[in-house]
Structures are given as structure tokens and as C-alpha cells.
Amino acid sequence: MTGIWMALTLLATTLQAGEPVAAPPAEAVAGIAAVTAPEAGRFRVINWLWSGPGVTREVRFTLETAPALDGAGLRTQWRDAETGSFVGELTRTQDPASGEWVQHWFSAASGQWSVTRQSVQVYEDGYGTAFSGEDGHGPFDVRTRTTHLATGGYDWIIERRYPGTDWFVVDRGEARPAD
């Protein structure tokens, strides 16, 4: 479940080429509820997770996403598409002082919460986020891009790099409205 944890802690995004997006001033960032509105609902997800150099695996999920905290956030529950088993929960809010998105992820596999603070850049068809962290391999940077589709649903891609490495894809997915 480590790959799923990594993918879901970095959730919901599709990449844009170039350097990580810089944090815009708080007043320049649209409210999280407005930006993520196309992600509310029930979705079928095909997720490709990086599990090593040149190795990805396909995982399928069902997502249920709804506004939370009186519209100040978005809550997503992840379930295994085949079994319906609870995989985890993601809640995203926006820090009004900095404009950063604050992402809380609960992993059912580990029983642990993680938190990331992400700078965000809003585009006409979605948004990108960027943040840094550290794991067993050392410090890293992450950049993401979520694209909202005119036909409904959204795609995302997440890239990571460690000092001295190029960007590499760790997660990409397709979320389509469930019937």
C-alpha cells in the first residue's frame, strides 16, 4: 500500500511542464471550493502508480467528493473499486492568510494522517500545486496538475524530484463520473 499512500497523499492533480509553480499572493488564488467544484460527485478512477524505475501498476478506485466544513474545504473518500473497501480519506482546505491549500490524508493501510501545505496556481482548465517534503530517500519537490474536462471528470499527474534528479512521474490518473 506504500504506492497508494504516496499517490493519494499527493492526490488529485495533472502536471504542467516547467519548474514548480510559485505561491501566488493569497488574494490571487480563487477559493478552493470554486476551483475544485468540478471534482464534487462520485467518480470511477483508473490510477497508474509508480512503484520503481520504469515500473507502474494500475489500481482502480471509486471516489466520493463533497464540499466540507461549510464550503471551506473538500472531502474525498477513496474506496477500492472492486471490493468497496475503504482506502482513505482526503480533506483539502485553504489557508486564508497564505492562500496555500492544506491537504490532510488518512491512509486506512497505515492508520496514519499526513499533512502537506501546497502552493497553488489556477488555470482556465484546472490547477497545479507544488510542495516539498522528505522521505527515506531524502528531501524532494513535488509538482502536480489537475485538468478538469469539458466532458466531465478530470485527469491528474504528479511528478517528483530529489536533489540531482530530473522530474519523474509518480502518479497519474483519470477520474470519470460514475453512473
Foldseek 3Di string as FASTA:
>chain_A
DVQVVVDPQVDDFADDDDDADDFDALVVADQPLVQCVLVAAKWKKWKWFDDDVVDTDIFIWIKHKDQDDVNQKMKIWIAGPPPRHTAWMKIWGADSRGRWIKIWIAGPVVRDIDIFTWRWDADPFHIKTKGWDADPVGIKIKIKHWGADPVGWIKMWMWMDDVPDDIDTGMIMTIHHDD
